[in-house]
C-alpha atoms as a PDB file:
ATOM      1  CA  MET A   1      85.618  67.659  81.317  1.00  0.00           C
ATOM      2  CA  ASN A   2      81.993  67.158  80.177  1.00  0.00           C
ATOM      3  CA  TRP A   3      80.888  69.953  77.804  1.00  0.00           C
ATOM      4  CA  PRO A   4      77.284  71.000  77.406  1.00  0.00           C
ATOM      5  CA  ASP A   5      75.689  69.685  74.169  1.00  0.00           C
ATOM      6  CA  CYS A   6      75.975  72.251  71.390  1.00  0.00           C
ATOM      7  CA  SER A   7      75.254  69.913  68.460  1.00  0.00           C
ATOM      8  CA  GLY A   8      72.276  72.056  67.415  1.00  0.00           C
ATOM      9  CA  ALA A   9      74.378  75.132  66.638  1.00  0.00           C
ATOM     10  CA  GLU A  10      73.710  76.391  63.190  1.00  0.00           C
ATOM     11  CA  GLU A  11      76.233  79.068  62.511  1.00  0.00           C
ATOM     12  CA  PRO A  12      79.987  78.208  62.381  1.00  0.00           C
ATOM     13  CA  LEU A  13      82.799  79.793  64.237  1.00  0.00           C
ATOM     14  CA  LYS A  14      85.937  80.375  62.109  1.00  0.00           C
ATOM     15  CA  PRO A  15      89.387  80.425  63.648  1.00  0.00           C
ATOM     16  CA  TYR A  16      91.750  83.111  62.466  1.00  0.00           C
ATOM     17  CA  ARG A  17      94.962  84.918  63.578  1.00  0.00           C
ATOM     18  CA  CYS A  18      95.038  88.490  64.841  1.00  0.00           C
ATOM     19  CA  LYS A  19      97.830  90.814  63.738  1.00  0.00           C
ATOM     20  CA  ASP A  20      99.902  89.838  66.733  1.00  0.00           C
ATOM     21  CA  GLY A  21      99.553  86.204  65.849  1.00  0.00           C
ATOM     22  CA  SER A  22      97.137  85.361  68.626  1.00  0.00           C
ATOM     23  CA  PHE A  23      94.181  83.013  68.262  1.00  0.00           C
ATOM     24  CA  SER A  24      90.707  84.327  67.749  1.00  0.00           C
ATOM     25  CA  LEU A  25      87.321  83.393  66.228  1.00  0.00           C
ATOM     26  CA  TRP A  26      84.860  84.939  63.812  1.00  0.00           C
ATOM     27  CA  SER A  27      81.189  84.408  64.421  1.00  0.00           C
ATOM     28  CA  GLU A  28      79.006  83.980  61.286  1.00  0.00           C
ATOM     29  CA  GLU A  29      75.916  84.282  63.505  1.00  0.00           C
ATOM     30  CA  TYR A  30      76.744  87.808  64.780  1.00  0.00           C
ATOM     31  CA  GLY A  31      79.018  88.881  61.913  1.00  0.00           C
ATOM     32  CA  GLN A  32      81.624  89.968  64.373  1.00  0.00           C
ATOM     33  CA  ALA A  33      85.024  88.826  65.592  1.00  0.00           C
ATOM     34  CA  PHE A  34      85.685  87.767  69.205  1.00  0.00           C
ATOM     35  CA  HIS A  35      88.610  90.174  69.521  1.00  0.00           C
ATOM     36  CA  SER A  36      90.209  93.293  68.156  1.00  0.00           C
ATOM     37  CA  ASN A  37      92.274  92.596  65.135  1.00  0.00           C
ATOM     38  CA  ARG A  38      95.302  94.118  66.795  1.00  0.00           C
ATOM     39  CA  GLY A  39      95.421  91.021  69.020  1.00  0.00           C
ATOM     40  CA  ALA A  40      93.357  88.924  71.347  1.00  0.00           C
ATOM     41  CA  ILE A  41      95.962  88.806  74.121  1.00  0.00           C
ATOM     42  CA  GLN A  42      96.905  92.506  73.664  1.00  0.00           C
ATOM     43  CA  GLU A  43      93.218  93.369  74.045  1.00  0.00           C
ATOM     44  CA  ALA A  44      92.762  91.259  77.106  1.00  0.00           C
ATOM     45  CA  GLN A  45      95.783  92.854  78.766  1.00  0.00           C
ATOM     46  CA  ASP A  46      95.067  96.474  77.711  1.00  0.00           C
ATOM     47  CA  THR A  47      91.314  96.623  77.962  1.00  0.00           C
ATOM     48  CA  PHE A  48      90.306  94.130  80.721  1.00  0.00           C
ATOM     49  CA  VAL A  49      93.233  93.393  83.040  1.00  0.00           C
ATOM     50  CA  ALA A  50      95.644  96.372  83.117  1.00  0.00           C
ATOM     51  CA  PRO A  51      92.926  98.810  83.991  1.00  0.00           C
ATOM     52  CA  ALA A  52      91.779  96.591  86.856  1.00  0.00           C
ATOM     53  CA  GLY A  53      94.570  98.017  89.024  1.00  0.00           C
ATOM     54  CA  LEU A  54      95.681  94.696  90.518  1.00  0.00           C
ATOM     55  CA  GLU A  55      98.637  96.449  92.118  1.00  0.00           C
ATOM     56  CA  ARG A  56      96.207  97.567  94.853  1.00  0.00           C
ATOM     57  CA  LEU A  57      96.036  93.995  96.058  1.00  0.00           C
ATOM     58  CA  ALA A  58      98.790  92.683  98.386  1.00  0.00           C
ATOM     59  CA  PRO A  59     100.554  89.415  97.521  1.00  0.00           C
ATOM     60  CA  GLY A  60      98.712  86.500  99.036  1.00  0.00           C
ATOM     61  CA  SER A  61      95.320  88.241  98.966  1.00  0.00           C
ATOM     62  CA  THR A  62      92.317  86.996  97.053  1.00  0.00           C
ATOM     63  CA  LEU A  63      91.163  88.527  93.783  1.00  0.00           C
ATOM     64  CA  ARG A  64      87.450  87.918  93.108  1.00  0.00           C
ATOM     65  CA  VAL A  65      86.487  88.065  89.446  1.00  0.00           C
ATOM     66  CA  LEU A  66      83.211  87.806  87.618  1.00  0.00           C
ATOM     67  CA  GLU A  67      83.732  87.270  83.890  1.00  0.00           C
ATOM     68  CA  LEU A  68      80.724  87.746  81.674  1.00  0.00           C
ATOM     69  CA  CYS A  69      81.009  85.877  78.323  1.00  0.00           C
ATOM     70  CA  VAL A  70      84.170  83.726  78.688  1.00  0.00           C
ATOM     71  CA  GLY A  71      84.420  83.079  74.947  1.00  0.00           C
ATOM     72  CA  THR A  72      87.774  81.597  73.911  1.00  0.00           C
ATOM     73  CA  GLY A  73      89.117  81.881  77.473  1.00  0.00           C
ATOM     74  CA  THR A  74      91.805  84.496  76.511  1.00  0.00           C
ATOM     75  CA  ASN A  75      90.718  87.012  79.135  1.00  0.00           C
ATOM     76  CA  THR A  76      90.676  84.229  81.750  1.00  0.00           C
ATOM     77  CA  ALA A  77      94.137  83.139  80.813  1.00  0.00           C
ATOM     78  CA  VAL A  78      95.539  86.631  81.053  1.00  0.00           C
ATOM     79  CA  VAL A  79      93.879  87.001  84.492  1.00  0.00           C
ATOM     80  CA  LEU A  80      95.446  83.778  85.562  1.00  0.00           C
ATOM     81  CA  GLU A  81      98.784  84.930  84.410  1.00  0.00           C
ATOM     82  CA  ALA A  82      98.501  88.215  86.297  1.00  0.00           C
ATOM     83  CA  CYS A  83      97.507  86.401  89.478  1.00  0.00           C
ATOM     84  CA  GLN A  84     100.411  84.083  89.125  1.00  0.00           C
ATOM     85  CA  GLN A  85     102.858  87.034  88.654  1.00  0.00           C
ATOM     86  CA  ARG A  86     101.360  89.025  91.555  1.00  0.00           C
ATOM     87  CA  GLN A  87     100.996  85.951  93.888  1.00  0.00           C
ATOM     88  CA  LEU A  88      97.276  86.459  94.165  1.00  0.00           C
ATOM     89  CA  GLN A  89      94.648  83.794  94.937  1.00  0.00           C
ATOM     90  CA  LEU A  90      91.834  83.816  92.416  1.00  0.00           C
ATOM     91  CA  GLN A  91      88.125  83.299  93.063  1.00  0.00           C
ATOM     92  CA  TRP A  92      86.500  83.264  89.658  1.00  0.00           C
ATOM     93  CA  TRP A  93      82.959  82.985  88.357  1.00  0.00           C
ATOM     94  CA  GLY A  94      82.707  82.571  84.577  1.00  0.00           C
ATOM     95  CA  LEU A  95      79.453  82.878  82.701  1.00  0.00           C
ATOM     96  CA  GLU A  96      78.984  81.723  79.062  1.00  0.00           C
ATOM     97  CA  LEU A  97      76.118  80.584  76.861  1.00  0.00           C
ATOM     98  CA  ASP A  98      78.045  78.660  74.162  1.00  0.00           C
ATOM     99  CA  PRO A  99      80.832  76.133  74.982  1.00  0.00           C
ATOM    100  CA  GLN A 100      82.097  75.992  71.369  1.00  0.00           C
ATOM    101  CA  PRO A 101      84.535  78.960  71.492  1.00  0.00           C
ATOM    102  CA  LEU A 102      86.364  77.547  74.498  1.00  0.00           C
ATOM    103  CA  GLN A 103      86.270  74.086  73.088  1.00  0.00           C
ATOM    104  CA  LEU A 104      87.812  75.258  69.847  1.00  0.00           C
ATOM    105  CA  ALA A 105      90.397  77.300  71.618  1.00  0.00           C
ATOM    106  CA  LEU A 106      91.624  74.558  73.872  1.00  0.00           C
ATOM    107  CA  ALA A 107      91.843  72.063  71.088  1.00  0.00           C
ATOM    108  CA  ASP A 108      93.766  74.473  68.812  1.00  0.00           C
ATOM    109  CA  GLN A 109      97.579  74.183  68.726  1.00  0.00           C
ATOM    110  CA  ARG A 110      98.023  77.843  68.061  1.00  0.00           C
ATOM    111  CA  PHE A 111      96.054  78.763  71.117  1.00  0.00           C
ATOM    112  CA  GLN A 112      97.887  76.180  73.231  1.00  0.00           C
ATOM    113  CA  GLN A 113     101.251  77.608  72.241  1.00  0.00           C
ATOM    114  CA  GLN A 114     100.290  81.037  73.548  1.00  0.00           C
ATOM    115  CA  TRP A 115     100.421  79.942  77.171  1.00  0.00           C
ATOM    116  CA  PRO A 116     102.671  78.145  79.596  1.00  0.00           C
ATOM    117  CA  ASN A 117     101.532  74.697  80.610  1.00  0.00           C
ATOM    118  CA  SER A 118     100.603  75.913  84.065  1.00  0.00           C
ATOM    119  CA  ILE A 119      98.234  78.505  82.635  1.00  0.00           C
ATOM    120  CA  LEU A 120      96.674  76.029  80.207  1.00  0.00           C
ATOM    121  CA  GLN A 121      96.036  73.561  83.010  1.00  0.00           C
ATOM    122  CA  ALA A 122      94.559  76.318  85.253  1.00  0.00           C
ATOM    123  CA  LEU A 123      92.323  77.381  82.340  1.00  0.00           C
ATOM    124  CA  GLN A 124      91.086  73.885  81.877  1.00  0.00           C
ATOM    125  CA  GLU A 125      90.313  73.607  85.588  1.00  0.00           C
ATOM    126  CA  ARG A 126      88.395  76.897  85.436  1.00  0.00           C
ATOM    127  CA  ALA A 127      86.501  75.728  82.402  1.00  0.00           C
ATOM    128  CA  ALA A 128      85.019  72.922  84.479  1.00  0.00           C
ATOM    129  CA  THR A 129      83.438  75.487  86.824  1.00  0.00           C
ATOM    130  CA  ILE A 130      81.824  77.686  84.206  1.00  0.00           C
ATOM    131  CA  HIS A 131      78.108  78.545  84.654  1.00  0.00           C
ATOM    132  CA  TRP A 132      76.619  77.725  81.305  1.00  0.00           C
ATOM    133  CA  GLY A 133      73.407  79.305  80.052  1.00  0.00           C
ATOM    134  CA  ASP A 134      71.712  82.640  79.648  1.00  0.00           C
ATOM    135  CA  ALA A 135      73.774  85.112  81.674  1.00  0.00           C
ATOM    136  CA  ARG A 136      70.664  87.078  82.766  1.00  0.00           C
ATOM    137  CA  GLN A 137      69.245  84.056  84.477  1.00  0.00           C
ATOM    138  CA  THR A 138      72.543  82.810  85.820  1.00  0.00           C
ATOM    139  CA  LEU A 139      73.675  86.181  87.282  1.00  0.00           C
ATOM    140  CA  ARG A 140      70.338  86.620  88.992  1.00  0.00           C
ATOM    141  CA  ALA A 141      70.735  83.152  90.556  1.00  0.00           C
ATOM    142  CA  LEU A 142      74.262  84.016  91.693  1.00  0.00           C
ATOM    143  CA  GLN A 143      73.347  87.335  93.311  1.00  0.00           C
ATOM    144  CA  SER A 144      73.421  85.958  96.824  1.00  0.00           C
ATOM    145  CA  GLN A 145      77.036  84.787  96.291  1.00  0.00           C
ATOM    146  CA  LEU A 146      78.331  87.746  94.334  1.00  0.00           C
ATOM    147  CA  ALA A 147      76.541  90.887  95.642  1.00  0.00           C
ATOM    148  CA  GLY A 148      79.185  93.387  96.832  1.00  0.00           C
ATOM    149  CA  ARG A 149      82.074  90.979  96.573  1.00  0.00           C
ATOM    150  CA  CYS A 150      83.755  91.265  93.201  1.00  0.00           C
ATOM    151  CA  ASP A 151      86.960  93.136  92.812  1.00  0.00           C
ATOM    152  CA  LEU A 152      86.782  92.955  89.075  1.00  0.00           C
ATOM    153  CA  VAL A 153      83.994  92.351  86.579  1.00  0.00           C
ATOM    154  CA  ILE A 154      84.991  91.703  82.951  1.00  0.00           C
ATOM    155  CA  HIS A 155      82.159  92.339  80.517  1.00  0.00           C
ATOM    156  CA  ASP A 156      83.003  91.090  77.063  1.00  0.00           C
ATOM    157  CA  ALA A 157      79.703  90.230  75.392  1.00  0.00           C
ATOM    158  CA  PHE A 158      79.102  90.896  71.727  1.00  0.00           C
ATOM    159  CA  SER A 159      78.144  94.493  70.941  1.00  0.00           C
ATOM    160  CA  PRO A 160      74.831  96.106  72.081  1.00  0.00           C
ATOM    161  CA  GLY A 161      73.786  96.125  68.358  1.00  0.00           C
ATOM    162  CA  VAL A 162      73.566  92.297  68.199  1.00  0.00           C
ATOM    163  CA  CYS A 163      73.366  91.313  71.910  1.00  0.00           C
ATOM    164  CA  PRO A 164      71.335  94.156  73.577  1.00  0.00           C
ATOM    165  CA  GLN A 165      70.047  91.938  76.337  1.00  0.00           C
ATOM    166  CA  LEU A 166      73.487  91.895  78.031  1.00  0.00           C
ATOM    167  CA  TRP A 167      73.806  95.660  77.887  1.00  0.00           C
ATOM    168  CA  SER A 168      70.374  96.603  79.071  1.00  0.00           C
ATOM    169  CA  GLN A 169      69.933  98.866  82.132  1.00  0.00           C
ATOM    170  CA  GLU A 170      68.365  95.960  84.092  1.00  0.00           C
ATOM    171  CA  PHE A 171      71.279  93.617  83.366  1.00  0.00           C
ATOM    172  CA  LEU A 172      73.892  96.253  84.058  1.00  0.00           C
ATOM    173  CA  GLY A 173      72.157  96.867  87.303  1.00  0.00           C
ATOM    174  CA  LEU A 174      72.713  93.199  88.320  1.00  0.00           C
ATOM    175  CA  VAL A 175      76.298  93.533  87.238  1.00  0.00           C
ATOM    176  CA  SER A 176      76.919  96.642  89.240  1.00  0.00           C
ATOM    177  CA  GLN A 177      75.488  95.053  92.355  1.00  0.00           C
ATOM    178  CA  CYS A 178      78.282  92.435  92.171  1.00  0.00           C
ATOM    179  CA  LEU A 179      81.038  95.011  92.615  1.00  0.00           C
ATOM    180  CA  ALA A 180      82.884  95.406  95.921  1.00  0.00           C
ATOM    181  CA  PRO A 181      83.045  98.990  97.288  1.00  0.00           C
ATOM    182  CA  ARG A 182      86.347  99.538  95.394  1.00  0.00           C
ATOM    183  CA  GLY A 183      85.504  97.099  92.578  1.00  0.00           C
ATOM    184  CA  ARG A 184      86.063  97.816  88.891  1.00  0.00           C
ATOM    185  CA  LEU A 185      84.174  96.853  85.762  1.00  0.00           C
ATOM    186  CA  THR A 186      86.217  96.725  82.577  1.00  0.00           C
ATOM    187  CA  THR A 187      84.741  96.605  79.081  1.00  0.00           C
ATOM    188  CA  TYR A 188      85.516  97.566  75.516  1.00  0.00           C
ATOM    189  CA  CYS A 189      82.094  99.264  75.055  1.00  0.00           C
ATOM    190  CA  SER A 190      81.638 102.987  75.654  1.00  0.00           C
ATOM    191  CA  ALA A 191      78.355 103.387  73.885  1.00  0.00           C
ATOM    192  CA  ALA A 192      76.272 106.314  75.264  1.00  0.00           C
ATOM    193  CA  ALA A 193      73.393 104.160  76.542  1.00  0.00           C
ATOM    194  CA  VAL A 194      75.851 101.893  78.367  1.00  0.00           C
ATOM    195  CA  ARG A 195      77.582 104.816  80.014  1.00  0.00           C
ATOM    196  CA  GLN A 196      74.258 106.301  81.072  1.00  0.00           C
ATOM    197  CA  SER A 197      73.126 102.986  82.536  1.00  0.00           C
ATOM    198  CA  LEU A 198      76.363 102.575  84.488  1.00  0.00           C
ATOM    199  CA  LEU A 199      76.126 106.102  85.881  1.00  0.00           C
ATOM    200  CA  ALA A 200      72.500 105.465  86.817  1.00  0.00           C
ATOM    201  CA  HIS A 201      73.715 102.543  88.915  1.00  0.00           C
ATOM    202  CA  GLY A 202      76.194 104.614  90.841  1.00  0.00           C
ATOM    203  CA  LEU A 203      79.436 103.829  89.046  1.00  0.00           C
ATOM    204  CA  GLN A 204      82.205 106.316  88.499  1.00  0.00           C
ATOM    205  CA  LEU A 205      83.214 106.215  84.715  1.00  0.00           C
ATOM    206  CA  ALA A 206      86.716 106.486  83.221  1.00  0.00           C
ATOM    207  CA  GLY A 207      87.807 105.876  79.614  1.00  0.00           C
ATOM    208  CA  LEU A 208      90.967 104.454  78.152  1.00  0.00           C
ATOM    209  CA  LYS A 209      92.828 106.280  75.425  1.00  0.00           C
ATOM    210  CA  PRO A 210      92.816 104.671  71.906  1.00  0.00           C
ATOM    211  CA  HIS A 211      95.832 102.549  71.314  1.00  0.00           C
ATOM    212  CA  ALA A 212      98.713 103.730  69.145  1.00  0.00           C
ATOM    213  CA  GLY A 213      97.960 103.540  65.475  1.00  0.00           C
ATOM    214  CA  SER A 214      94.260 103.010  65.807  1.00  0.00           C
ATOM    215  CA  ALA A 215      91.606 105.703  65.119  1.00  0.00           C
ATOM    216  CA  ARG A 216      88.849 103.404  66.331  1.00  0.00           C
ATOM    217  CA  HIS A 217      88.552  99.747  67.173  1.00  0.00           C
ATOM    218  CA  GLN A 218      87.656  97.207  64.507  1.00  0.00           C
ATOM    219  CA  TRP A 219      85.640  94.674  66.558  1.00  0.00           C
ATOM    220  CA  SER A 220      82.246  94.273  68.132  1.00  0.00           C
ATOM    221  CA  GLY A 221      82.188  97.666  69.881  1.00  0.00           C
ATOM    222  CA  GLY A 222      83.184  99.666  66.843  1.00  0.00           C
ATOM    223  CA  GLY A 223      79.747 100.721  65.747  1.00  0.00           C
ATOM    224  CA  SER A 224      78.079 101.101  69.066  1.00  0.00           C
ATOM    225  CA  GLY A 225      77.919 104.846  69.153  1.00  0.00           C
ATOM    226  CA  GLY A 226      78.721 107.201  72.012  1.00  0.00           C
ATOM    227  CA  GLN A 227      81.894 108.364  70.295  1.00  0.00           C
ATOM    228  CA  ARG A 228      83.808 111.338  71.728  1.00  0.00           C
ATOM    229  CA  ARG A 229      85.104 114.159  69.640  1.00  0.00           C
ATOM    230  CA  SER A 230      88.599 113.755  68.255  1.00  0.00           C
ATOM    231  CA  GLY A 231      91.240 114.484  70.806  1.00  0.00           C
ATOM    232  CA  GLN A 232      89.000 114.066  73.877  1.00  0.00           C
ATOM    233  CA  HIS A 233      89.603 111.159  76.147  1.00  0.00           C
ATOM    234  CA  TRP A 234      88.873 110.308  79.693  1.00  0.00           C
ATOM    235  CA  PRO A 235      92.044 109.972  81.793  1.00  0.00           C
ATOM    236  CA  ARG A 236      93.510 106.576  82.615  1.00  0.00           C
ATOM    237  CA  PRO A 237      92.520 106.226  86.267  1.00  0.00           C
ATOM    238  CA  THR A 238      94.893 105.551  89.173  1.00  0.00           C
ATOM    239  CA  LEU A 239      94.349 104.490  92.721  1.00  0.00           C
ATOM    240  CA  ARG A 240      96.342 105.853  95.593  1.00  0.00           C
ATOM    241  CA  SER A 241      97.509 103.151  97.985  1.00  0.00           C
ATOM    242  CA  GLY A 242      94.969 102.737 100.689  1.00  0.00           C
ATOM    243  CA  ALA A 243      92.627 105.399  99.230  1.00  0.00           C
ATOM    244  CA  ALA A 244      88.919 104.784  99.381  1.00  0.00           C
ATOM    245  CA  ARG A 245      87.439 105.004  95.899  1.00  0.00           C
ATOM    246  CA  PRO A 246      83.944 104.369  94.592  1.00  0.00           C
ATOM    247  CA  ARG A 247      82.997 101.518  92.310  1.00  0.00           C
ATOM    248  CA  SER A 248      84.113 102.334  88.864  1.00  0.00           C
ATOM    249  CA  ALA A 249      83.710 101.231  85.211  1.00  0.00           C
ATOM    250  CA  LEU A 250      86.597 101.590  82.838  1.00  0.00           C
ATOM    251  CA  LEU A 251      85.563 101.724  79.173  1.00  0.00           C
ATOM    252  CA  ASP A 252      87.795 101.367  76.138  1.00  0.00           C
ATOM    253  CA  GLU A 253      87.372 104.340  73.780  1.00  0.00           C
ATOM    254  CA  LEU A 254      85.698 103.964  70.439  1.00  0.00           C
END
């Protein structure tokens, strides 16, 4: 595929292995990792895909996904695997500013070894359809296509402290408008300002319990604030078969 020109990039991205051996990157520009140190694949499954409740979709139906900040493509690959396992058709819109993370991942042998050939091929095909550029402008341009249609929105931008523009109330309003009536937004960030913005846009919030052995996450959301008192967590949400539920946002606990 033809990648956008990123030759002017000043700050390097450094590959490294997470605790589970999965591939990730460290951004010198933002001073943050792309994933939780416990594992890029584990994070994608636990934080972004498992809470999406894909079991509510019948085999053969279409899952419509908006992914904000594709990065290394790990979240995308996990979505592709889930769709393959559940026999779902996937309609996917990926937004990303910088092509380097995905370029580095797809060229890295360690990353390649994480996935079956069918998933790697599907990921490369999706990469050719990514909407490159500033997500604020891109999402506004896509509103006519996306408004009220997305079953799942994955929001995985760098933390509000270094990338506030993608967590602003205005931007989250655009994101919320993309959700279908029973759509879900999944994200690692549970900062107070983010929660308030999502509530203001009519979303029902639920939080995910911290993962075993972790007091708090050690990645880009770790210092965002909005922390709950020890021992208090929102329940892991469930959907009854056929039940009508409002649009919701599932936030990983800090």
